Amino acid sequence: MTIDTSDDVLATALARLSRLLGLSGDQAPPLTAPDVAPTNAGYRDIQLVLGYGLMNVQDSGSFNVSGYVSGREAVYSADQLLHTFQQAQR
């Protein structure tokens, strides 16, 4: 099985799961990506997943909204979300 998705789709899914688990953007430090404007529909979701370290920016500092996400990266992000949730429960 392969997983093919884009960065913005994964960010939205992870942000929704984060909120369902009770993690809010208020608890995560704000991180910026120069290619994601505050007017972007996914801005808050991207800020949340970057703040919790669920996803990362590229070496250039950009998020690359339409970039490709491999299955390995998606699974790693989900694992990071689980770890973040477990830490918040302590």
Protein backbone atom coordinates (compact mmCIF):
# COMPACT_ATOMS: atom_id res chain seq x y z
CA MET A 1 0.00 0.00 0.00
CA THR A 2 1.27 3.46 -0.82
CA ILE A 3 0.19 6.77 0.60
CA ASP A 4 0.32 9.74 -1.71
CA THR A 5 -0.82 13.06 -0.33
CA SER A 6 0.27 16.66 -0.14
CA ASP A 7 1.63 18.60 2.81
CA ASP A 8 -1.51 20.70 3.22
CA VAL A 9 -3.83 17.66 3.24
CA LEU A 10 -1.70 15.91 5.88
CA ALA A 11 -1.46 19.10 7.94
CA THR A 12 -5.24 19.47 7.94
CA ALA A 13 -5.78 15.84 8.97
CA LEU A 14 -3.18 16.03 11.75
CA ALA A 15 -4.58 19.33 13.01
CA ARG A 16 -8.10 17.90 13.17
CA LEU A 17 -6.87 14.84 15.05
CA SER A 18 -4.86 17.07 17.40
CA ARG A 19 -7.94 19.10 18.25
CA LEU A 20 -10.02 15.94 18.76
CA LEU A 21 -7.37 14.76 21.22
CA GLY A 22 -7.63 18.05 23.09
CA LEU A 23 -4.39 19.61 21.85
CA SER A 24 -4.81 23.25 20.94
CA GLY A 25 -2.75 25.69 18.99
CA ASP A 26 -2.49 27.82 22.12
CA GLN A 27 -0.20 25.21 23.70
CA ALA A 28 2.14 24.95 20.71
CA PRO A 29 4.81 27.56 20.06
CA PRO A 30 4.07 29.50 16.86
CA LEU A 31 6.33 28.73 13.93
CA THR A 32 6.22 30.54 10.65
CA ALA A 33 6.74 29.39 7.10
CA PRO A 34 7.32 32.20 4.58
CA ASP A 35 5.30 30.44 1.89
CA VAL A 36 2.14 30.20 4.04
CA ALA A 37 0.42 33.56 4.42
CA PRO A 38 -1.92 34.22 7.36
CA THR A 39 -4.71 34.54 4.77
CA ASN A 40 -4.13 30.94 3.58
CA ALA A 41 -7.10 28.69 4.44
CA GLY A 42 -4.77 26.14 6.06
CA TYR A 43 -2.65 28.65 7.99
CA ARG A 44 -3.94 27.74 11.48
CA ASP A 45 -3.65 24.01 10.80
CA ILE A 46 -0.12 24.38 9.46
CA GLN A 47 0.87 26.52 12.46
CA LEU A 48 -0.50 23.87 14.82
CA VAL A 49 1.33 20.92 13.24
CA LEU A 50 4.57 22.87 12.94
CA GLY A 51 4.30 24.08 16.52
CA TYR A 52 3.92 20.55 17.86
CA GLY A 53 6.67 19.22 15.60
CA LEU A 54 4.27 16.90 13.78
CA MET A 55 5.59 18.18 10.46
CA ASN A 56 8.65 20.19 9.55
CA VAL A 57 9.60 22.95 7.18
CA GLN A 58 12.17 22.34 4.47
CA ASP A 59 15.78 23.45 4.86
CA SER A 60 14.83 26.68 3.07
CA GLY A 61 12.27 27.40 5.79
CA SER A 62 9.28 26.93 3.50
CA PHE A 63 6.45 24.52 4.21
CA ASN A 64 5.81 23.69 0.53
CA VAL A 65 2.02 23.51 0.77
CA SER A 66 1.59 21.47 -2.40
CA GLY A 67 4.64 19.28 -1.75
CA TYR A 68 4.50 15.50 -1.83
CA VAL A 69 4.37 13.53 1.44
CA SER A 70 5.68 9.98 1.41
CA GLY A 71 4.02 7.19 3.34
CA ARG A 72 7.02 7.10 5.65
CA GLU A 73 6.64 10.81 6.44
CA ALA A 74 2.90 10.41 7.05
CA VAL A 75 3.43 7.52 9.46
CA TYR A 76 6.20 9.44 11.25
CA SER A 77 3.87 12.44 11.65
CA ALA A 78 1.12 10.22 13.07
CA ASP A 79 3.62 8.70 15.49
CA GLN A 80 4.70 12.19 16.56
CA LEU A 81 1.06 13.07 17.21
CA LEU A 82 0.63 10.01 19.41
CA HIS A 83 3.81 10.86 21.33
CA THR A 84 2.71 14.49 21.78
CA PHE A 85 -0.69 13.35 23.06
CA GLN A 86 0.91 10.92 25.51
CA GLN A 87 3.21 13.67 26.81
CA ALA A 88 0.24 15.99 27.30
CA GLN A 89 -1.50 13.35 29.42
CA ARG A 90 1.32 13.28 31.98
